[in-house]
Structure formats: structure tokens, C-alpha cells
Amino acid sequence: MPTYAGLVDVEDREFQNVQELASLWGEIRTELERFDVRIEESYAVLGEYDFIVVFEAPDRDSAVQAALTIQGYGLDMQTMEATDTDHFADLVGDR
């Protein structure tokens, strides 16, 4: 399945506490199963973005559905298709 990386920023939605924000990911994971999308890794990060999410989706349409679902929780996500470095090395080696 293709891999995608999402840079996530918390929008203006008010969360009652940090625990509520952290617990959202369980709800999001469950909802993404409807689109056969699986979160592989998620990290809270310092800097311009608040979270990085790595997920697999069967196709781009499912990745778009994942992004829209996450945005429905008050999180803004910039989504990028990702290629693992071994596959990238194979592609470069073919040149």
C-alpha cells in the first residue's frame, strides 16, 4: 500500500486539556479504518507543526478521505506521498 506523511497543525478548536488532544488519535484511527487507512506512526513534534503522522492508504482517494477526516477533528494536515529510502535508492540506481 502507498505510504503518506501528514504534517498536522492544531487549528483554533479549543481542547479542554492536553489529554483530550492526545486521545483524539484513537478516535481518528478507528474512523480511518472505514477507508482502509492505517496509521503506522504518529509523533508529537516541536516546531511549525504539532504532529507528524505516517499512514498507509490503498490509493490517493483514500488518502484524501483520511486528510478530510483528520481535518474534521480541528486539525489541519498537509499530506504528502512518501517513498521509503530503499525504494528510492532502487529508483535512483536505475538511472
PDB file of N, CA and C in Angstrom:
ATOM      1  N   MET A   1       0.847  -1.182   0.000  1.00  0.00           N
ATOM      2  CA  MET A   1       0.000   0.000   0.000  1.00  0.00           C
ATOM      3  C   MET A   1       0.891   1.243   0.000  1.00  0.00           C
ATOM      4  N   PRO A   2       0.480   2.284  -0.719  1.00  0.00           N
ATOM      5  CA  PRO A   2       1.251   3.526  -0.699  1.00  0.00           C
ATOM      6  C   PRO A   2       1.310   4.129   0.708  1.00  0.00           C
ATOM      7  N   THR A   3       2.414   4.796   0.973  1.00  0.00           N
ATOM      8  CA  THR A   3       2.634   5.439   2.266  1.00  0.00           C
ATOM      9  C   THR A   3       2.514   6.950   2.103  1.00  0.00           C
ATOM     10  N   TYR A   4       1.930   7.573   3.100  1.00  0.00           N
ATOM     11  CA  TYR A   4       1.753   9.026   3.103  1.00  0.00           C
ATOM     12  C   TYR A   4       2.248   9.577   4.429  1.00  0.00           C
ATOM     13  N   ALA A   5       2.743  10.808   4.389  1.00  0.00           N
ATOM     14  CA  ALA A   5       3.149  11.518   5.601  1.00  0.00           C
ATOM     15  C   ALA A   5       2.277  12.756   5.716  1.00  0.00           C
ATOM     16  N   GLY A   6       1.821  13.013   6.907  1.00  0.00           N
ATOM     17  CA  GLY A   6       0.999  14.193   7.142  1.00  0.00           C
ATOM     18  C   GLY A   6       1.636  15.087   8.190  1.00  0.00           C
ATOM     19  N   LEU A   7       1.763  16.363   7.862  1.00  0.00           N
ATOM     20  CA  LEU A   7       2.214  17.370   8.817  1.00  0.00           C
ATOM     21  C   LEU A   7       0.959  18.012   9.380  1.00  0.00           C
ATOM     22  N   VAL A   8       0.759  17.868  10.673  1.00  0.00           N
ATOM     23  CA  VAL A   8      -0.515  18.243  11.296  1.00  0.00           C
ATOM     24  C   VAL A   8      -0.330  19.445  12.211  1.00  0.00           C
ATOM     25  N   ASP A   9      -1.244  20.388  12.072  1.00  0.00           N
ATOM     26  CA  ASP A   9      -1.249  21.588  12.888  1.00  0.00           C
ATOM     27  C   ASP A   9      -2.601  21.670  13.593  1.00  0.00           C
ATOM     28  N   VAL A  10      -2.585  21.946  14.884  1.00  0.00           N
ATOM     29  CA  VAL A  10      -3.831  22.102  15.628  1.00  0.00           C
ATOM     30  C   VAL A  10      -4.423  23.454  15.253  1.00  0.00           C
ATOM     31  N   GLU A  11      -5.662  23.436  14.783  1.00  0.00           N
ATOM     32  CA  GLU A  11      -6.339  24.683  14.416  1.00  0.00           C
ATOM     33  C   GLU A  11      -6.890  25.354  15.668  1.00  0.00           C
ATOM     34  N   ASP A  12      -7.772  26.282  15.490  1.00  0.00           N
ATOM     35  CA  ASP A  12      -8.281  27.082  16.604  1.00  0.00           C
ATOM     36  C   ASP A  12      -9.260  26.351  17.508  1.00  0.00           C
ATOM     37  N   ARG A  13      -9.567  25.099  17.176  1.00  0.00           N
ATOM     38  CA  ARG A  13     -10.511  24.363  18.025  1.00  0.00           C
ATOM     39  C   ARG A  13      -9.967  24.332  19.446  1.00  0.00           C
ATOM     40  N   GLU A  14     -10.835  24.550  20.385  1.00  0.00           N
ATOM     41  CA  GLU A  14     -10.392  24.541  21.774  1.00  0.00           C
ATOM     42  C   GLU A  14     -10.500  23.136  22.339  1.00  0.00           C
ATOM     43  N   PHE A  15      -9.398  22.670  22.874  1.00  0.00           N
ATOM     44  CA  PHE A  15      -9.369  21.393  23.567  1.00  0.00           C
ATOM     45  C   PHE A  15      -9.365  21.695  25.053  1.00  0.00           C
ATOM     46  N   GLN A  16     -10.119  20.909  25.802  1.00  0.00           N
ATOM     47  CA  GLN A  16     -10.223  21.179  27.229  1.00  0.00           C
ATOM     48  C   GLN A  16      -8.890  20.985  27.935  1.00  0.00           C
ATOM     49  N   ASN A  17      -8.116  20.006  27.464  1.00  0.00           N
ATOM     50  CA  ASN A  17      -6.805  19.771  28.060  1.00  0.00           C
ATOM     51  C   ASN A  17      -5.936  18.987  27.077  1.00  0.00           C
ATOM     52  N   VAL A  18      -4.685  18.844  27.411  1.00  0.00           N
ATOM     53  CA  VAL A  18      -3.740  18.158  26.534  1.00  0.00           C
ATOM     54  C   VAL A  18      -4.114  16.686  26.375  1.00  0.00           C
ATOM     55  N   GLN A  19      -4.652  16.065  27.410  1.00  0.00           N
ATOM     56  CA  GLN A  19      -5.058  14.665  27.333  1.00  0.00           C
ATOM     57  C   GLN A  19      -6.144  14.472  26.281  1.00  0.00           C
ATOM     58  N   GLU A  20      -7.062  15.417  26.181  1.00  0.00           N
ATOM     59  CA  GLU A  20      -8.114  15.325  25.166  1.00  0.00           C
ATOM     60  C   GLU A  20      -7.503  15.341  23.769  1.00  0.00           C
ATOM     61  N   LEU A  21      -6.543  16.214  23.568  1.00  0.00           N
ATOM     62  CA  LEU A  21      -5.866  16.294  22.276  1.00  0.00           C
ATOM     63  C   LEU A  21      -5.136  14.989  21.971  1.00  0.00           C
ATOM     64  N   ALA A  22      -4.459  14.433  22.959  1.00  0.00           N
ATOM     65  CA  ALA A  22      -3.725  13.178  22.764  1.00  0.00           C
ATOM     66  C   ALA A  22      -4.672  12.014  22.495  1.00  0.00           C
ATOM     67  N   SER A  23      -5.830  12.003  23.130  1.00  0.00           N
ATOM     68  CA  SER A  23      -6.761  10.880  22.968  1.00  0.00           C
ATOM     69  C   SER A  23      -7.480  10.900  21.623  1.00  0.00           C
ATOM     70  N   LEU A  24      -7.432  12.012  20.921  1.00  0.00           N
ATOM     71  CA  LEU A  24      -8.080  12.094  19.607  1.00  0.00           C
ATOM     72  C   LEU A  24      -7.570  11.033  18.646  1.00  0.00           C
ATOM     73  N   TRP A  25      -6.294  10.689  18.751  1.00  0.00           N
ATOM     74  CA  TRP A  25      -5.705   9.779  17.767  1.00  0.00           C
ATOM     75  C   TRP A  25      -6.359   8.414  17.789  1.00  0.00           C
ATOM     76  N   GLY A  26      -6.826   7.949  18.943  1.00  0.00           N
ATOM     77  CA  GLY A  26      -7.548   6.676  18.997  1.00  0.00           C
ATOM     78  C   GLY A  26      -8.844   6.749  18.204  1.00  0.00           C
ATOM     79  N   GLU A  27      -9.578   7.839  18.377  1.00  0.00           N
ATOM     80  CA  GLU A  27     -10.819   8.036  17.622  1.00  0.00           C
ATOM     81  C   GLU A  27     -10.538   8.134  16.126  1.00  0.00           C
ATOM     82  N   ILE A  28      -9.499   8.874  15.785  1.00  0.00           N
ATOM     83  CA  ILE A  28      -9.159   9.058  14.376  1.00  0.00           C
ATOM     84  C   ILE A  28      -8.771   7.731  13.745  1.00  0.00           C
ATOM     85  N   ARG A  29      -7.953   6.936  14.443  1.00  0.00           N
ATOM     86  CA  ARG A  29      -7.549   5.618  13.915  1.00  0.00           C
ATOM     87  C   ARG A  29      -8.775   4.768  13.583  1.00  0.00           C
ATOM     88  N   THR A  30      -9.729   4.745  14.497  1.00  0.00           N
ATOM     89  CA  THR A  30     -10.941   3.953  14.292  1.00  0.00           C
ATOM     90  C   THR A  30     -11.722   4.452  13.083  1.00  0.00           C
ATOM     91  N   GLU A  31     -11.844   5.757  12.961  1.00  0.00           N
ATOM     92  CA  GLU A  31     -12.607   6.311  11.846  1.00  0.00           C
ATOM     93  C   GLU A  31     -11.918   6.063  10.502  1.00  0.00           C
ATOM     94  N   LEU A  32     -10.595   6.081  10.485  1.00  0.00           N
ATOM     95  CA  LEU A  32      -9.866   5.873   9.234  1.00  0.00           C
ATOM     96  C   LEU A  32      -9.981   4.441   8.722  1.00  0.00           C
ATOM     97  N   GLU A  33     -10.292   3.508   9.592  1.00  0.00           N
ATOM     98  CA  GLU A  33     -10.464   2.115   9.166  1.00  0.00           C
ATOM     99  C   GLU A  33     -11.567   1.991   8.112  1.00  0.00           C
ATOM    100  N   ARG A  34     -12.526   2.910   8.119  1.00  0.00           N
ATOM    101  CA  ARG A  34     -13.604   2.882   7.109  1.00  0.00           C
ATOM    102  C   ARG A  34     -13.058   3.000   5.695  1.00  0.00           C
ATOM    103  N   PHE A  35     -11.916   3.659   5.562  1.00  0.00           N
ATOM    104  CA  PHE A  35     -11.313   3.878   4.244  1.00  0.00           C
ATOM    105  C   PHE A  35     -10.129   2.951   4.000  1.00  0.00           C
ATOM    106  N   ASP A  36      -9.968   1.943   4.866  1.00  0.00           N
ATOM    107  CA  ASP A  36      -8.841   1.010   4.789  1.00  0.00           C
ATOM    108  C   ASP A  36      -7.508   1.745   4.934  1.00  0.00           C
ATOM    109  N   VAL A  37      -7.508   2.794   5.749  1.00  0.00           N
ATOM    110  CA  VAL A  37      -6.308   3.582   6.029  1.00  0.00           C
ATOM    111  C   VAL A  37      -5.795   3.187   7.408  1.00  0.00           C
ATOM    112  N   ARG A  38      -4.489   2.974   7.493  1.00  0.00           N
ATOM    113  CA  ARG A  38      -3.888   2.541   8.759  1.00  0.00           C
ATOM    114  C   ARG A  38      -2.761   3.502   9.145  1.00  0.00           C
ATOM    115  N   ILE A  39      -2.863   4.102  10.328  1.00  0.00           N
ATOM    116  CA  ILE A  39      -1.781   4.944  10.835  1.00  0.00           C
ATOM    117  C   ILE A  39      -0.659   4.027  11.302  1.00  0.00           C
ATOM    118  N   GLU A  40       0.512   4.201  10.717  1.00  0.00           N
ATOM    119  CA  GLU A  40       1.681   3.395  11.061  1.00  0.00           C
ATOM    120  C   GLU A  40       2.469   4.014  12.215  1.00  0.00           C
ATOM    121  N   GLU A  41       2.629   5.324  12.178  1.00  0.00           N
ATOM    122  CA  GLU A  41       3.398   6.044  13.194  1.00  0.00           C
ATOM    123  C   GLU A  41       2.758   7.410  13.399  1.00  0.00           C
ATOM    124  N   SER A  42       2.846   7.908  14.604  1.00  0.00           N
ATOM    125  CA  SER A  42       2.431   9.289  14.854  1.00  0.00           C
ATOM    126  C   SER A  42       3.327   9.858  15.948  1.00  0.00           C
ATOM    127  N   TYR A  43       3.703  11.109  15.758  1.00  0.00           N
ATOM    128  CA  TYR A  43       4.622  11.765  16.682  1.00  0.00           C
ATOM    129  C   TYR A  43       4.118  13.162  17.004  1.00  0.00           C
ATOM    130  N   ALA A  44       4.238  13.553  18.258  1.00  0.00           N
ATOM    131  CA  ALA A  44       4.066  14.951  18.638  1.00  0.00           C
ATOM    132  C   ALA A  44       5.434  15.594  18.438  1.00  0.00           C
ATOM    133  N   VAL A  45       5.457  16.772  17.812  1.00  0.00           N
ATOM    134  CA  VAL A  45       6.743  17.394  17.481  1.00  0.00           C
ATOM    135  C   VAL A  45       6.764  18.858  17.913  1.00  0.00           C
ATOM    136  N   LEU A  46       7.968  19.365  18.077  1.00  0.00           N
ATOM    137  CA  LEU A  46       8.170  20.780  18.360  1.00  0.00           C
ATOM    138  C   LEU A  46       8.439  21.494  17.045  1.00  0.00           C
ATOM    139  N   GLY A  47       7.986  22.707  16.926  1.00  0.00           N
ATOM    140  CA  GLY A  47       8.268  23.465  15.712  1.00  0.00           C
ATOM    141  C   GLY A  47       7.003  23.960  15.051  1.00  0.00           C
ATOM    142  N   GLU A  48       7.078  24.122  13.744  1.00  0.00           N
ATOM    143  CA  GLU A  48       5.977  24.702  12.974  1.00  0.00           C
ATOM    144  C   GLU A  48       4.710  23.849  13.024  1.00  0.00           C
ATOM    145  N   TYR A  49       4.871  22.533  13.100  1.00  0.00           N
ATOM    146  CA  TYR A  49       3.729  21.614  13.146  1.00  0.00           C
ATOM    147  C   TYR A  49       3.639  20.984  14.526  1.00  0.00           C
ATOM    148  N   ASP A  50       2.469  20.447  14.845  1.00  0.00           N
ATOM    149  CA  ASP A  50       2.249  19.842  16.159  1.00  0.00           C
ATOM    150  C   ASP A  50       2.413  18.326  16.153  1.00  0.00           C
ATOM    151  N   PHE A  51       2.101  17.691  15.014  1.00  0.00           N
ATOM    152  CA  PHE A  51       2.202  16.238  14.888  1.00  0.00           C
ATOM    153  C   PHE A  51       2.712  15.874  13.500  1.00  0.00           C
ATOM    154  N   ILE A  52       3.349  14.725  13.418  1.00  0.00           N
ATOM    155  CA  ILE A  52       3.667  14.088  12.143  1.00  0.00           C
ATOM    156  C   ILE A  52       2.991  12.728  12.173  1.00  0.00           C
ATOM    157  N   VAL A  53       2.259  12.415  11.112  1.00  0.00           N
ATOM    158  CA  VAL A  53       1.538  11.150  11.027  1.00  0.00           C
ATOM    159  C   VAL A  53       1.986  10.429   9.758  1.00  0.00           C
ATOM    160  N   VAL A  54       2.357   9.161   9.900  1.00  0.00           N
ATOM    161  CA  VAL A  54       2.710   8.330   8.750  1.00  0.00           C
ATOM    162  C   VAL A  54       1.617   7.277   8.636  1.00  0.00           C
ATOM    163  N   PHE A  55       0.998   7.203   7.452  1.00  0.00           N
ATOM    164  CA  PHE A  55      -0.091   6.252   7.288  1.00  0.00           C
ATOM    165  C   PHE A  55      -0.046   5.598   5.922  1.00  0.00           C
ATOM    166  N   GLU A  56      -0.692   4.445   5.834  1.00  0.00           N
ATOM    167  CA  GLU A  56      -0.826   3.729   4.571  1.00  0.00           C
ATOM    168  C   GLU A  56      -2.278   3.810   4.126  1.00  0.00           C
ATOM    169  N   ALA A  57      -2.444   3.998   2.816  1.00  0.00           N
ATOM    170  CA  ALA A  57      -3.780   4.056   2.225  1.00  0.00           C
ATOM    171  C   ALA A  57      -3.737   3.302   0.904  1.00  0.00           C
ATOM    172  N   PRO A  58      -4.827   2.648   0.528  1.00  0.00           N
ATOM    173  CA  PRO A  58      -4.817   1.862  -0.705  1.00  0.00           C
ATOM    174  C   PRO A  58      -4.655   2.704  -1.971  1.00  0.00           C
ATOM    175  N   ASP A  59      -5.048   3.984  -1.911  1.00  0.00           N
ATOM    176  CA  ASP A  59      -4.956   4.842  -3.091  1.00  0.00           C
ATOM    177  C   ASP A  59      -5.072   6.301  -2.657  1.00  0.00           C
ATOM    178  N   ARG A  60      -4.907   7.195  -3.625  1.00  0.00           N
ATOM    179  CA  ARG A  60      -4.968   8.632  -3.316  1.00  0.00           C
ATOM    180  C   ARG A  60      -6.330   9.065  -2.805  1.00  0.00           C
ATOM    181  N   ASP A  61      -7.383   8.493  -3.355  1.00  0.00           N
ATOM    182  CA  ASP A  61      -8.723   8.867  -2.887  1.00  0.00           C
ATOM    183  C   ASP A  61      -8.876   8.577  -1.401  1.00  0.00           C
ATOM    184  N   SER A  62      -8.360   7.438  -0.963  1.00  0.00           N
ATOM    185  CA  SER A  62      -8.425   7.083   0.459  1.00  0.00           C
ATOM    186  C   SER A  62      -7.559   8.026   1.289  1.00  0.00           C
ATOM    187  N   ALA A  63      -6.422   8.439   0.745  1.00  0.00           N
ATOM    188  CA  ALA A  63      -5.559   9.394   1.448  1.00  0.00           C
ATOM    189  C   ALA A  63      -6.264  10.740   1.603  1.00  0.00           C
ATOM    190  N   VAL A  64      -6.987  11.150   0.577  1.00  0.00           N
ATOM    191  CA  VAL A  64      -7.762  12.394   0.661  1.00  0.00           C
ATOM    192  C   VAL A  64      -8.854  12.256   1.720  1.00  0.00           C
ATOM    193  N   GLN A  65      -9.537  11.109   1.744  1.00  0.00           N
ATOM    194  CA  GLN A  65     -10.560  10.870   2.769  1.00  0.00           C
ATOM    195  C   GLN A  65      -9.948  10.934   4.168  1.00  0.00           C
ATOM    196  N   ALA A  66      -8.738  10.392   4.314  1.00  0.00           N
ATOM    197  CA  ALA A  66      -8.051  10.436   5.609  1.00  0.00           C
ATOM    198  C   ALA A  66      -7.782  11.883   6.012  1.00  0.00           C
ATOM    199  N   ALA A  67      -7.275  12.679   5.078  1.00  0.00           N
ATOM    200  CA  ALA A  67      -6.985  14.084   5.378  1.00  0.00           C
ATOM    201  C   ALA A  67      -8.256  14.834   5.767  1.00  0.00           C
ATOM    202  N   LEU A  68      -9.341  14.597   5.040  1.00  0.00           N
ATOM    203  CA  LEU A  68     -10.604  15.265   5.353  1.00  0.00           C
ATOM    204  C   LEU A  68     -11.139  14.839   6.716  1.00  0.00           C
ATOM    205  N   THR A  69     -10.978  13.559   7.035  1.00  0.00           N
ATOM    206  CA  THR A  69     -11.416  13.059   8.342  1.00  0.00           C
ATOM    207  C   THR A  69     -10.638  13.741   9.456  1.00  0.00           C
ATOM    208  N   ILE A  70      -9.322  13.810   9.302  1.00  0.00           N
ATOM    209  CA  ILE A  70      -8.478  14.440  10.323  1.00  0.00           C
ATOM    210  C   ILE A  70      -8.823  15.920  10.452  1.00  0.00           C
ATOM    211  N   GLN A  71      -9.075  16.580   9.341  1.00  0.00           N
ATOM    212  CA  GLN A  71      -9.447  17.995   9.399  1.00  0.00           C
ATOM    213  C   GLN A  71     -10.784  18.193  10.108  1.00  0.00           C
ATOM    214  N   GLY A  72     -11.643  17.197  10.034  1.00  0.00           N
ATOM    215  CA  GLY A  72     -12.917  17.269  10.737  1.00  0.00           C
ATOM    216  C   GLY A  72     -12.763  17.298  12.249  1.00  0.00           C
ATOM    217  N   TYR A  73     -11.602  16.930  12.747  1.00  0.00           N
ATOM    218  CA  TYR A  73     -11.313  16.961  14.183  1.00  0.00           C
ATOM    219  C   TYR A  73     -10.638  18.266  14.602  1.00  0.00           C
ATOM    220  N   GLY A  74     -10.617  19.255  13.721  1.00  0.00           N
ATOM    221  CA  GLY A  74      -9.994  20.530  14.069  1.00  0.00           C
ATOM    222  C   GLY A  74      -8.491  20.525  13.894  1.00  0.00           C
ATOM    223  N   LEU A  75      -7.997  19.608  13.084  1.00  0.00           N
ATOM    224  CA  LEU A  75      -6.567  19.523  12.810  1.00  0.00           C
ATOM    225  C   LEU A  75      -6.350  19.796  11.328  1.00  0.00           C
ATOM    226  N   ASP A  76      -5.377  20.620  11.008  1.00  0.00           N
ATOM    227  CA  ASP A  76      -5.060  20.916   9.617  1.00  0.00           C
ATOM    228  C   ASP A  76      -3.899  20.018   9.211  1.00  0.00           C
ATOM    229  N   MET A  77      -4.032  19.312   8.083  1.00  0.00           N
ATOM    230  CA  MET A  77      -2.984  18.374   7.687  1.00  0.00           C
ATOM    231  C   MET A  77      -2.540  18.620   6.258  1.00  0.00           C
ATOM    232  N   GLN A  78      -1.241  18.753   6.099  1.00  0.00           N
ATOM    233  CA  GLN A  78      -0.626  18.800   4.773  1.00  0.00           C
ATOM    234  C   GLN A  78      -0.148  17.381   4.484  1.00  0.00           C
ATOM    235  N   THR A  79      -0.673  16.768   3.429  1.00  0.00           N
ATOM    236  CA  THR A  79      -0.405  15.363   3.129  1.00  0.00           C
ATOM    237  C   THR A  79       0.546  15.235   1.950  1.00  0.00           C
ATOM    238  N   MET A  80       1.514  14.327   2.093  1.00  0.00           N
ATOM    239  CA  MET A  80       2.489  14.073   1.035  1.00  0.00           C
ATOM    240  C   MET A  80       2.635  12.576   0.836  1.00  0.00           C
ATOM    241  N   GLU A  81       2.747  12.148  -0.412  1.00  0.00           N
ATOM    242  CA  GLU A  81       3.044  10.742  -0.679  1.00  0.00           C
ATOM    243  C   GLU A  81       4.516  10.518  -0.365  1.00  0.00           C
ATOM    244  N   ALA A  82       4.830   9.402   0.264  1.00  0.00           N
ATOM    245  CA  ALA A  82       6.204   9.118   0.684  1.00  0.00           C
ATOM    246  C   ALA A  82       6.695   7.813   0.065  1.00  0.00           C
ATOM    247  N   THR A  83       7.989   7.753  -0.188  1.00  0.00           N
ATOM    248  CA  THR A  83       8.636   6.549  -0.696  1.00  0.00           C
ATOM    249  C   THR A  83       9.749   6.186   0.266  1.00  0.00           C
ATOM    250  N   ASP A  84       9.816   4.917   0.681  1.00  0.00           N
ATOM    251  CA  ASP A  84      10.883   4.551   1.610  1.00  0.00           C
ATOM    252  C   ASP A  84      12.239   4.671   0.908  1.00  0.00           C
ATOM    253  N   THR A  85      13.270   4.869   1.700  1.00  0.00           N
ATOM    254  CA  THR A  85      14.587   5.168   1.137  1.00  0.00           C
ATOM    255  C   THR A  85      15.175   4.008   0.346  1.00  0.00           C
ATOM    256  N   ASP A  86      14.857   2.768   0.688  1.00  0.00           N
ATOM    257  CA  ASP A  86      15.347   1.630  -0.098  1.00  0.00           C
ATOM    258  C   ASP A  86      14.761   1.664  -1.507  1.00  0.00           C
ATOM    259  N   HIS A  87      13.467   1.924  -1.606  1.00  0.00           N
ATOM    260  CA  HIS A  87      12.827   2.018  -2.919  1.00  0.00           C
ATOM    261  C   HIS A  87      13.382   3.213  -3.698  1.00  0.00           C
ATOM    262  N   PHE A  88      13.597   4.312  -3.008  1.00  0.00           N
ATOM    263  CA  PHE A  88      14.178   5.492  -3.643  1.00  0.00           C
ATOM    264  C   PHE A  88      15.566   5.169  -4.203  1.00  0.00           C
ATOM    265  N   ALA A  89      16.371   4.439  -3.430  1.00  0.00           N
ATOM    266  CA  ALA A  89      17.708   4.052  -3.896  1.00  0.00           C
ATOM    267  C   ALA A  89      17.613   3.188  -5.149  1.00  0.00           C
ATOM    268  N   ASP A  90      16.627   2.285  -5.183  1.00  0.00           N
ATOM    269  CA  ASP A  90      16.419   1.461  -6.383  1.00  0.00           C
ATOM    270  C   ASP A  90      16.066   2.334  -7.585  1.00  0.00           C
ATOM    271  N   LEU A  91      15.207   3.314  -7.378  1.00  0.00           N
ATOM    272  CA  LEU A  91      14.824   4.210  -8.468  1.00  0.00           C
ATOM    273  C   LEU A  91      16.021   4.996  -8.989  1.00  0.00           C
ATOM    274  N   VAL A  92      16.823   5.504  -8.082  1.00  0.00           N
ATOM    275  CA  VAL A  92      17.998   6.283  -8.468  1.00  0.00           C
ATOM    276  C   VAL A  92      19.020   5.391  -9.160  1.00  0.00           C
ATOM    277  N   GLY A  93      19.137   4.152  -8.689  1.00  0.00           N
ATOM    278  CA  GLY A  93      20.087   3.213  -9.279  1.00  0.00           C
ATOM    279  C   GLY A  93      19.731   2.829 -10.697  1.00  0.00           C
ATOM    280  N   ASP A  94      18.465   2.964 -11.065  1.00  0.00           N
ATOM    281  CA  ASP A  94      18.014   2.614 -12.412  1.00  0.00           C
ATOM    282  C   ASP A  94      18.363   3.684 -13.442  1.00  0.00           C
ATOM    283  N   ARG A  95      18.888   4.796 -13.028  1.00  0.00           N
ATOM    284  CA  ARG A  95      19.177   5.910 -13.960  1.00  0.00           C
ATOM    285  C   ARG A  95      20.462   5.698 -14.678  1.00  0.00           C
TER     286      ARG A  95
END
